[in-house]
Amino acid sequence: MSKQSKINPKSMSLLAVQGLDWCLRKAFLWFVIIMGTIFLNVFINTMPIKQTTIYLYLFQGVYLGLFTLKAVSKYKSGSDWWVFTSLVSIMEMFGLCILLMKPIQVTDASMTLIFELLLVSLALYFVGTKLSSSLFKRYLFKNVIDVEYLGLKKSTETNSDNEHSLINDIELTGYGTNAQMIMLNKNAIKPEYRAIVEITNMECEKVIAPRYYREGTAPGKPQGDIKHTFETKDTLYHLHFNFHLFGINSKFSPCYLYLIDLTVSDKQGR
């Protein structure tokens, strides 16, 4: 087996953590969707037959629109997974439509239980999704990404010149795009993960806002009119981290998984 085809052990550990985070968030989401569909099924079937038919077609149309929009957004974003996403969306849509159309006979006590489970699923979705994402982000900050270099965490080392930072490196490399990205990837990602994790894209955003002032504010002079001028308040750098399972320069490149997006402020990073 060639070296390029071997999978880095760090790839497997990162894939396992990312997969666990993805599965948890999907489980919370689908618990809400399924309980919501069951609740709608029971609620709709308590109505007269004509109204039941109308609402069934209405919600089927909503499901069709949502899952179609999901597939189209993947295609427009240029994702390599849009075909897979479309097939999954079709299966999900048919599954929910079948669950919605199949009448479920319940008692008053069962209806109360279904409603309670719906509330529990909503709570689990909002709390669990946030907690899972937070733990995954914490894992990345501890093991994969150098947050002190990015300026997302204040360094414990005293360095008045801020020599080792993303903002300083961007200024040093100037307009040399390739040199800039090579340096950022070298410093922003911890050594063990540099072969599989990469800042694939970086977007720069200037925050420009007006500054108001009044003329003639010197002592003994009448105050003039209020005027304003435009100033750059901050510069934001949007970093898109991606995970190359088989390595950045493997024979499968460019093929990667989305990892995380981070925004670094020039003002706060200094």
C-alpha atoms as a PDB file:
ATOM      1  CA  MET A   1       0.000   0.000   0.000  1.00  0.00           C
ATOM      2  CA  SER A   2       1.405   3.417  -0.956  1.00  0.00           C
ATOM      3  CA  LYS A   3       1.981   6.136   1.566  1.00  0.00           C
ATOM      4  CA  GLN A   4      -0.628   8.360  -0.036  1.00  0.00           C
ATOM      5  CA  SER A   5      -3.362   5.761   0.379  1.00  0.00           C
ATOM      6  CA  LYS A   6      -2.699   5.284   4.079  1.00  0.00           C
ATOM      7  CA  ILE A   7      -5.027   7.124   6.411  1.00  0.00           C
ATOM      8  CA  ASN A   8      -3.409   9.287   9.057  1.00  0.00           C
ATOM      9  CA  PRO A   9      -4.373   8.046  12.576  1.00  0.00           C
ATOM     10  CA  LYS A  10      -5.280  11.639  13.428  1.00  0.00           C
ATOM     11  CA  SER A  11      -7.762  11.532  10.536  1.00  0.00           C
ATOM     12  CA  MET A  12      -9.624   8.652  12.150  1.00  0.00           C
ATOM     13  CA  SER A  13      -9.806  10.322  15.568  1.00  0.00           C
ATOM     14  CA  LEU A  14     -10.975  13.615  14.083  1.00  0.00           C
ATOM     15  CA  LEU A  15     -13.466  11.812  11.834  1.00  0.00           C
ATOM     16  CA  ALA A  16     -14.852   9.922  14.852  1.00  0.00           C
ATOM     17  CA  VAL A  17     -15.344  13.136  16.852  1.00  0.00           C
ATOM     18  CA  GLN A  18     -16.866  14.971  13.898  1.00  0.00           C
ATOM     19  CA  GLY A  19     -19.102  11.996  13.101  1.00  0.00           C
ATOM     20  CA  LEU A  20     -20.314  11.816  16.699  1.00  0.00           C
ATOM     21  CA  ASP A  21     -21.157  15.531  16.666  1.00  0.00           C
ATOM     22  CA  TRP A  22     -22.992  15.141  13.331  1.00  0.00           C
ATOM     23  CA  CYS A  23     -24.945  12.085  14.534  1.00  0.00           C
ATOM     24  CA  LEU A  24     -26.013  13.784  17.773  1.00  0.00           C
ATOM     25  CA  ARG A  25     -27.224  16.919  15.996  1.00  0.00           C
ATOM     26  CA  LYS A  26     -29.054  14.842  13.386  1.00  0.00           C
ATOM     27  CA  ALA A  27     -30.650  12.665  16.073  1.00  0.00           C
ATOM     28  CA  PHE A  28     -31.944  15.729  17.941  1.00  0.00           C
ATOM     29  CA  LEU A  29     -33.260  17.208  14.681  1.00  0.00           C
ATOM     30  CA  TRP A  30     -35.023  14.032  13.558  1.00  0.00           C
ATOM     31  CA  PHE A  31     -36.547  13.451  16.968  1.00  0.00           C
ATOM     32  CA  VAL A  32     -38.233  16.857  16.622  1.00  0.00           C
ATOM     33  CA  ILE A  33     -39.300  16.240  13.007  1.00  0.00           C
ATOM     34  CA  ILE A  34     -40.763  12.786  13.710  1.00  0.00           C
ATOM     35  CA  MET A  35     -42.603  13.877  16.860  1.00  0.00           C
ATOM     36  CA  GLY A  36     -43.892  16.957  15.042  1.00  0.00           C
ATOM     37  CA  THR A  37     -45.131  14.812  12.142  1.00  0.00           C
ATOM     38  CA  ILE A  38     -46.868  12.353  14.506  1.00  0.00           C
ATOM     39  CA  PHE A  39     -48.512  15.254  16.345  1.00  0.00           C
ATOM     40  CA  LEU A  40     -49.701  16.756  13.039  1.00  0.00           C
ATOM     41  CA  ASN A  41     -50.999  13.355  11.929  1.00  0.00           C
ATOM     42  CA  VAL A  42     -53.088  12.927  15.090  1.00  0.00           C
ATOM     43  CA  PHE A  43     -54.271  16.550  15.064  1.00  0.00           C
ATOM     44  CA  ILE A  44     -55.256  16.551  11.365  1.00  0.00           C
ATOM     45  CA  ASN A  45     -57.171  13.281  11.664  1.00  0.00           C
ATOM     46  CA  THR A  46     -59.441  14.827  14.319  1.00  0.00           C
ATOM     47  CA  MET A  47     -60.811  17.196  11.635  1.00  0.00           C
ATOM     48  CA  PRO A  48     -63.586  16.523   9.109  1.00  0.00           C
ATOM     49  CA  ILE A  49     -62.555  14.438   6.084  1.00  0.00           C
ATOM     50  CA  LYS A  50     -62.460  17.368   3.616  1.00  0.00           C
ATOM     51  CA  GLN A  51     -60.285  19.493   5.875  1.00  0.00           C
ATOM     52  CA  THR A  52     -58.070  16.504   6.608  1.00  0.00           C
ATOM     53  CA  THR A  53     -57.378  15.999   2.888  1.00  0.00           C
ATOM     54  CA  ILE A  54     -56.575  19.683   2.384  1.00  0.00           C
ATOM     55  CA  TYR A  55     -54.141  19.801   5.296  1.00  0.00           C
ATOM     56  CA  LEU A  56     -52.476  16.550   4.261  1.00  0.00           C
ATOM     57  CA  TYR A  57     -51.756  17.940   0.783  1.00  0.00           C
ATOM     58  CA  LEU A  58     -50.634  21.238   2.322  1.00  0.00           C
ATOM     59  CA  PHE A  59     -48.059  19.666   4.635  1.00  0.00           C
ATOM     60  CA  GLN A  60     -46.873  17.295   1.916  1.00  0.00           C
ATOM     61  CA  GLY A  61     -46.218  20.375  -0.214  1.00  0.00           C
ATOM     62  CA  VAL A  62     -44.312  21.985   2.659  1.00  0.00           C
ATOM     63  CA  TYR A  63     -42.133  18.877   3.056  1.00  0.00           C
ATOM     64  CA  LEU A  64     -41.517  18.753  -0.690  1.00  0.00           C
ATOM     65  CA  GLY A  65     -40.545  22.433  -0.776  1.00  0.00           C
ATOM     66  CA  LEU A  66     -38.209  22.238   2.240  1.00  0.00           C
ATOM     67  CA  PHE A  67     -36.301  19.169   1.101  1.00  0.00           C
ATOM     68  CA  THR A  68     -36.075  20.453  -2.493  1.00  0.00           C
ATOM     69  CA  LEU A  69     -34.688  23.745  -1.176  1.00  0.00           C
ATOM     70  CA  LYS A  70     -32.121  21.811   0.861  1.00  0.00           C
ATOM     71  CA  ALA A  71     -30.887  19.934  -2.226  1.00  0.00           C
ATOM     72  CA  VAL A  72     -30.836  23.071  -4.412  1.00  0.00           C
ATOM     73  CA  SER A  73     -28.852  25.045  -1.803  1.00  0.00           C
ATOM     74  CA  LYS A  74     -26.229  22.279  -1.726  1.00  0.00           C
ATOM     75  CA  TYR A  75     -26.005  22.368  -5.529  1.00  0.00           C
ATOM     76  CA  LYS A  76     -25.663  26.169  -5.665  1.00  0.00           C
ATOM     77  CA  SER A  77     -22.981  26.150  -2.974  1.00  0.00           C
ATOM     78  CA  GLY A  78     -20.856  23.952  -5.244  1.00  0.00           C
ATOM     79  CA  SER A  79     -20.825  21.040  -2.811  1.00  0.00           C
ATOM     80  CA  ASP A  80     -19.580  17.702  -4.142  1.00  0.00           C
ATOM     81  CA  TRP A  81     -22.250  16.008  -2.010  1.00  0.00           C
ATOM     82  CA  TRP A  82     -25.306  17.552  -3.682  1.00  0.00           C
ATOM     83  CA  VAL A  83     -26.293  14.314  -5.500  1.00  0.00           C
ATOM     84  CA  PHE A  84     -26.096  12.340  -2.249  1.00  0.00           C
ATOM     85  CA  THR A  85     -28.002  15.114  -0.424  1.00  0.00           C
ATOM     86  CA  SER A  86     -30.742  15.054  -3.093  1.00  0.00           C
ATOM     87  CA  LEU A  87     -31.218  11.281  -2.811  1.00  0.00           C
ATOM     88  CA  VAL A  88     -31.316  11.446   0.988  1.00  0.00           C
ATOM     89  CA  SER A  89     -33.806  14.334   0.828  1.00  0.00           C
ATOM     90  CA  ILE A  90     -36.117  12.325  -1.451  1.00  0.00           C
ATOM     91  CA  MET A  91     -36.065   9.341   0.937  1.00  0.00           C
ATOM     92  CA  GLU A  92     -36.633  11.607   3.947  1.00  0.00           C
ATOM     93  CA  MET A  93     -39.533  13.353   2.228  1.00  0.00           C
ATOM     94  CA  PHE A  94     -41.274  10.092   1.267  1.00  0.00           C
ATOM     95  CA  GLY A  95     -40.764   8.690   4.771  1.00  0.00           C
ATOM     96  CA  LEU A  96     -42.330  11.732   6.427  1.00  0.00           C
ATOM     97  CA  CYS A  97     -45.219  11.821   3.937  1.00  0.00           C
ATOM     98  CA  ILE A  98     -46.007   8.160   4.648  1.00  0.00           C
ATOM     99  CA  LEU A  99     -45.854   8.833   8.388  1.00  0.00           C
ATOM    100  CA  LEU A 100     -48.120  11.848   7.943  1.00  0.00           C
ATOM    101  CA  MET A 101     -50.730  10.070   5.771  1.00  0.00           C
ATOM    102  CA  LYS A 102     -51.042   6.855   7.808  1.00  0.00           C
ATOM    103  CA  PRO A 103     -53.857   7.430  10.328  1.00  0.00           C
ATOM    104  CA  ILE A 104     -52.831   6.960  13.961  1.00  0.00           C
ATOM    105  CA  GLN A 105     -55.593   6.166  16.410  1.00  0.00           C
ATOM    106  CA  VAL A 106     -54.874   7.485  19.896  1.00  0.00           C
ATOM    107  CA  THR A 107     -56.681   8.120  23.161  1.00  0.00           C
ATOM    108  CA  ASP A 108     -56.726  11.418  25.063  1.00  0.00           C
ATOM    109  CA  ALA A 109     -53.942  10.138  27.312  1.00  0.00           C
ATOM    110  CA  SER A 110     -51.840   9.157  24.279  1.00  0.00           C
ATOM    111  CA  MET A 111     -52.406  12.578  22.717  1.00  0.00           C
ATOM    112  CA  THR A 112     -51.155  14.221  25.909  1.00  0.00           C
ATOM    113  CA  LEU A 113     -48.088  11.959  25.890  1.00  0.00           C
ATOM    114  CA  ILE A 114     -47.340  12.800  22.241  1.00  0.00           C
ATOM    115  CA  PHE A 115     -47.592  16.522  22.991  1.00  0.00           C
ATOM    116  CA  GLU A 116     -45.269  16.149  25.990  1.00  0.00           C
ATOM    117  CA  LEU A 117     -42.750  14.209  23.887  1.00  0.00           C
ATOM    118  CA  LEU A 118     -42.925  16.971  21.269  1.00  0.00           C
ATOM    119  CA  LEU A 119     -42.026  19.568  23.905  1.00  0.00           C
ATOM    120  CA  VAL A 120     -39.208  17.341  25.193  1.00  0.00           C
ATOM    121  CA  SER A 121     -37.868  16.881  21.649  1.00  0.00           C
ATOM    122  CA  LEU A 122     -37.860  20.652  21.094  1.00  0.00           C
ATOM    123  CA  ALA A 123     -35.966  21.214  24.356  1.00  0.00           C
ATOM    124  CA  LEU A 124     -33.468  18.474  23.501  1.00  0.00           C
ATOM    125  CA  TYR A 125     -32.965  19.921  20.024  1.00  0.00           C
ATOM    126  CA  PHE A 126     -32.135  23.457  21.173  1.00  0.00           C
ATOM    127  CA  VAL A 127     -30.091  22.463  24.235  1.00  0.00           C
ATOM    128  CA  GLY A 128     -28.500  19.306  22.825  1.00  0.00           C
ATOM    129  CA  THR A 129     -27.507  20.833  19.479  1.00  0.00           C
ATOM    130  CA  LYS A 130     -25.900  23.820  21.161  1.00  0.00           C
ATOM    131  CA  LEU A 131     -24.097  21.617  23.684  1.00  0.00           C
ATOM    132  CA  SER A 132     -22.836  19.191  21.033  1.00  0.00           C
ATOM    133  CA  SER A 133     -21.542  22.015  18.812  1.00  0.00           C
ATOM    134  CA  SER A 134     -19.906  23.674  21.820  1.00  0.00           C
ATOM    135  CA  LEU A 135     -18.096  20.456  22.826  1.00  0.00           C
ATOM    136  CA  PHE A 136     -16.929  19.848  19.247  1.00  0.00           C
ATOM    137  CA  LYS A 137     -15.626  23.413  19.019  1.00  0.00           C
ATOM    138  CA  ARG A 138     -13.848  22.982  22.353  1.00  0.00           C
ATOM    139  CA  TYR A 139     -12.207  19.794  21.051  1.00  0.00           C
ATOM    140  CA  LEU A 140     -10.948  21.617  17.956  1.00  0.00           C
ATOM    141  CA  PHE A 141      -9.617  24.534  20.002  1.00  0.00           C
ATOM    142  CA  LYS A 142      -7.786  22.180  22.355  1.00  0.00           C
ATOM    143  CA  ASN A 143      -6.332  19.722  19.840  1.00  0.00           C
ATOM    144  CA  VAL A 144      -6.443  21.072  16.283  1.00  0.00           C
ATOM    145  CA  ILE A 145      -6.531  24.885  16.083  1.00  0.00           C
ATOM    146  CA  ASP A 146      -4.136  27.335  17.729  1.00  0.00           C
ATOM    147  CA  VAL A 147      -6.647  29.818  19.153  1.00  0.00           C
ATOM    148  CA  GLU A 148      -3.936  31.977  20.736  1.00  0.00           C
ATOM    149  CA  TYR A 149      -2.374  32.540  17.309  1.00  0.00           C
ATOM    150  CA  LEU A 150      -5.763  33.480  15.868  1.00  0.00           C
ATOM    151  CA  GLY A 151      -6.352  35.943  18.689  1.00  0.00           C
ATOM    152  CA  LEU A 152      -9.480  34.159  19.909  1.00  0.00           C
ATOM    153  CA  LYS A 153      -7.771  33.547  23.229  1.00  0.00           C
ATOM    154  CA  LYS A 154      -5.276  35.800  24.942  1.00  0.00           C
ATOM    155  CA  SER A 155      -1.811  34.318  25.090  1.00  0.00           C
ATOM    156  CA  THR A 156      -0.288  33.608  28.488  1.00  0.00           C
ATOM    157  CA  GLU A 157       3.101  34.682  27.158  1.00  0.00           C
ATOM    158  CA  THR A 158       4.061  38.333  27.451  1.00  0.00           C
ATOM    159  CA  ASN A 159       4.692  39.703  23.982  1.00  0.00           C
ATOM    160  CA  SER A 160       4.204  43.426  23.595  1.00  0.00           C
ATOM    161  CA  ASP A 161       4.937  43.404  19.871  1.00  0.00           C
ATOM    162  CA  ASN A 162       2.402  40.641  19.161  1.00  0.00           C
ATOM    163  CA  GLU A 163       4.923  38.976  16.834  1.00  0.00           C
ATOM    164  CA  HIS A 164       3.214  35.607  16.641  1.00  0.00           C
ATOM    165  CA  SER A 165      -0.357  36.281  15.515  1.00  0.00           C
ATOM    166  CA  LEU A 166      -2.578  35.931  12.477  1.00  0.00           C
ATOM    167  CA  ILE A 167      -3.022  39.703  12.145  1.00  0.00           C
ATOM    168  CA  ASN A 168       0.730  40.309  12.215  1.00  0.00           C
ATOM    169  CA  ASP A 169       1.418  37.552   9.661  1.00  0.00           C
ATOM    170  CA  ILE A 170      -1.202  38.958   7.277  1.00  0.00           C
ATOM    171  CA  GLU A 171       0.486  42.363   7.442  1.00  0.00           C
ATOM    172  CA  LEU A 172       3.960  40.847   6.933  1.00  0.00           C
ATOM    173  CA  THR A 173       2.978  38.826   3.856  1.00  0.00           C
ATOM    174  CA  GLY A 174       1.098  41.772   2.336  1.00  0.00           C
ATOM    175  CA  TYR A 175      -0.471  40.915  -1.008  1.00  0.00           C
ATOM    176  CA  GLY A 176       1.388  37.630  -1.515  1.00  0.00           C
ATOM    177  CA  THR A 177      -1.675  35.399  -1.427  1.00  0.00           C
ATOM    178  CA  ASN A 178       0.087  32.043  -1.649  1.00  0.00           C
ATOM    179  CA  ALA A 179       2.750  32.954   0.920  1.00  0.00           C
ATOM    180  CA  GLN A 180       0.026  34.366   3.176  1.00  0.00           C
ATOM    181  CA  MET A 181      -2.091  31.206   3.150  1.00  0.00           C
ATOM    182  CA  ILE A 182       0.939  28.924   3.608  1.00  0.00           C
ATOM    183  CA  MET A 183       2.024  30.894   6.676  1.00  0.00           C
ATOM    184  CA  LEU A 184      -1.491  31.005   8.140  1.00  0.00           C
ATOM    185  CA  ASN A 185      -1.973  27.254   7.725  1.00  0.00           C
ATOM    186  CA  LYS A 186       1.431  26.577   9.267  1.00  0.00           C
ATOM    187  CA  ASN A 187       0.724  28.659  12.366  1.00  0.00           C
ATOM    188  CA  ALA A 188      -3.053  28.383  12.846  1.00  0.00           C
ATOM    189  CA  ILE A 189      -3.124  24.579  12.832  1.00  0.00           C
ATOM    190  CA  LYS A 190      -1.254  22.436  15.345  1.00  0.00           C
ATOM    191  CA  PRO A 191       1.600  20.306  13.902  1.00  0.00           C
ATOM    192  CA  GLU A 192      -0.162  16.933  14.292  1.00  0.00           C
ATOM    193  CA  TYR A 193      -3.058  18.044  12.068  1.00  0.00           C
ATOM    194  CA  ARG A 194      -1.335  20.155   9.397  1.00  0.00           C
ATOM    195  CA  ALA A 195      -1.380  17.265   6.928  1.00  0.00           C
ATOM    196  CA  ILE A 196      -5.175  16.859   7.107  1.00  0.00           C
ATOM    197  CA  VAL A 197      -6.673  20.208   8.214  1.00  0.00           C
ATOM    198  CA  GLU A 198      -6.435  23.363   6.133  1.00  0.00           C
ATOM    199  CA  ILE A 199      -7.743  26.917   5.954  1.00  0.00           C
ATOM    200  CA  THR A 200      -9.061  26.453   2.444  1.00  0.00           C
ATOM    201  CA  ASN A 201     -10.708  29.863   2.096  1.00  0.00           C
ATOM    202  CA  MET A 202     -10.304  33.243   3.760  1.00  0.00           C
ATOM    203  CA  GLU A 203     -12.559  36.248   3.234  1.00  0.00           C
ATOM    204  CA  CYS A 204     -11.681  39.761   4.338  1.00  0.00           C
ATOM    205  CA  GLU A 205     -14.431  42.185   5.421  1.00  0.00           C
ATOM    206  CA  LYS A 206     -13.942  45.843   6.338  1.00  0.00           C
ATOM    207  CA  VAL A 207     -16.282  47.407   8.876  1.00  0.00           C
ATOM    208  CA  ILE A 208     -16.692  51.065   7.914  1.00  0.00           C
ATOM    209  CA  ALA A 209     -18.820  53.428   9.985  1.00  0.00           C
ATOM    210  CA  PRO A 210     -19.242  57.203  10.348  1.00  0.00           C
ATOM    211  CA  ARG A 211     -17.582  59.231  13.126  1.00  0.00           C
ATOM    212  CA  TYR A 212     -19.506  62.349  14.139  1.00  0.00           C
ATOM    213  CA  TYR A 213     -17.848  65.509  15.425  1.00  0.00           C
ATOM    214  CA  ARG A 214     -18.705  69.153  15.960  1.00  0.00           C
ATOM    215  CA  GLU A 215     -16.655  72.006  14.525  1.00  0.00           C
ATOM    216  CA  GLY A 216     -15.469  74.904  16.645  1.00  0.00           C
ATOM    217  CA  THR A 217     -15.133  73.107  19.958  1.00  0.00           C
ATOM    218  CA  ALA A 218     -12.138  75.213  21.090  1.00  0.00           C
ATOM    219  CA  PRO A 219     -12.656  77.305  24.253  1.00  0.00           C
ATOM    220  CA  GLY A 220     -14.196  80.719  23.608  1.00  0.00           C
ATOM    221  CA  LYS A 221     -15.431  79.809  20.107  1.00  0.00           C
ATOM    222  CA  PRO A 222     -19.057  79.170  19.163  1.00  0.00           C
ATOM    223  CA  GLN A 223     -19.915  75.564  18.424  1.00  0.00           C
ATOM    224  CA  GLY A 224     -20.275  74.780  14.761  1.00  0.00           C
ATOM    225  CA  ASP A 225     -22.403  72.284  12.888  1.00  0.00           C
ATOM    226  CA  ILE A 226     -22.205  68.558  13.480  1.00  0.00           C
ATOM    227  CA  LYS A 227     -20.303  66.821  10.708  1.00  0.00           C
ATOM    228  CA  HIS A 228     -19.099  63.324  10.134  1.00  0.00           C
ATOM    229  CA  THR A 229     -16.383  61.395   8.387  1.00  0.00           C
ATOM    230  CA  PHE A 230     -16.100  57.702   7.510  1.00  0.00           C
ATOM    231  CA  GLU A 231     -13.539  55.502   9.239  1.00  0.00           C
ATOM    232  CA  THR A 232     -12.531  51.846   9.193  1.00  0.00           C
ATOM    233  CA  LYS A 233     -13.607  50.570  12.590  1.00  0.00           C
ATOM    234  CA  ASP A 234     -12.422  47.007  12.172  1.00  0.00           C
ATOM    235  CA  THR A 235     -11.343  44.344   9.694  1.00  0.00           C
ATOM    236  CA  LEU A 236     -12.830  40.864   9.952  1.00  0.00           C
ATOM    237  CA  TYR A 237     -11.172  37.740   8.586  1.00  0.00           C
ATOM    238  CA  HIS A 238     -13.548  34.838   7.921  1.00  0.00           C
ATOM    239  CA  LEU A 239     -11.599  31.574   7.969  1.00  0.00           C
ATOM    240  CA  HIS A 240     -13.049  28.373   6.504  1.00  0.00           C
ATOM    241  CA  PHE A 241     -11.386  25.252   7.929  1.00  0.00           C
ATOM    242  CA  ASN A 242     -11.775  21.976   6.042  1.00  0.00           C
ATOM    243  CA  PHE A 243     -10.790  18.409   6.878  1.00  0.00           C
ATOM    244  CA  HIS A 244      -8.989  16.251   4.269  1.00  0.00           C
ATOM    245  CA  LEU A 245      -9.558  12.677   5.374  1.00  0.00           C
ATOM    246  CA  PHE A 246      -6.827  11.216   3.123  1.00  0.00           C
ATOM    247  CA  GLY A 247      -4.437  14.152   3.407  1.00  0.00           C
ATOM    248  CA  ILE A 248      -4.226  17.555   1.770  1.00  0.00           C
ATOM    249  CA  ASN A 249      -2.000  16.412  -1.110  1.00  0.00           C
ATOM    250  CA  SER A 250      -3.340  12.881  -1.529  1.00  0.00           C
ATOM    251  CA  LYS A 251      -4.498  11.329  -4.792  1.00  0.00           C
ATOM    252  CA  PHE A 252      -8.093  12.005  -3.684  1.00  0.00           C
ATOM    253  CA  SER A 253      -7.541  15.788  -3.512  1.00  0.00           C
ATOM    254  CA  PRO A 254      -9.365  18.079  -3.627  1.00  0.00           C
ATOM    255  CA  CYS A 255     -11.884  16.195  -1.536  1.00  0.00           C
ATOM    256  CA  TYR A 256     -12.630  17.404   1.953  1.00  0.00           C
ATOM    257  CA  LEU A 257     -15.247  17.736   4.665  1.00  0.00           C
ATOM    258  CA  TYR A 258     -16.367  21.016   6.193  1.00  0.00           C
ATOM    259  CA  LEU A 259     -14.887  21.419   9.667  1.00  0.00           C
ATOM    260  CA  ILE A 260     -15.608  24.870  11.127  1.00  0.00           C
ATOM    261  CA  ASP A 261     -15.857  28.565  10.220  1.00  0.00           C
ATOM    262  CA  LEU A 262     -14.187  31.149  12.448  1.00  0.00           C
ATOM    263  CA  THR A 263     -14.103  34.940  12.349  1.00  0.00           C
ATOM    264  CA  VAL A 264     -11.074  36.859  13.603  1.00  0.00           C
ATOM    265  CA  SER A 265     -11.285  40.559  14.397  1.00  0.00           C
ATOM    266  CA  ASP A 266      -8.287  42.760  13.647  1.00  0.00           C
ATOM    267  CA  LYS A 267      -9.241  45.043  16.536  1.00  0.00           C
ATOM    268  CA  GLN A 268      -9.583  42.261  19.108  1.00  0.00           C
ATOM    269  CA  GLY A 269      -6.676  40.179  17.776  1.00  0.00           C
ATOM    270  CA  ARG A 270      -4.035  42.820  18.464  1.00  0.00           C
END
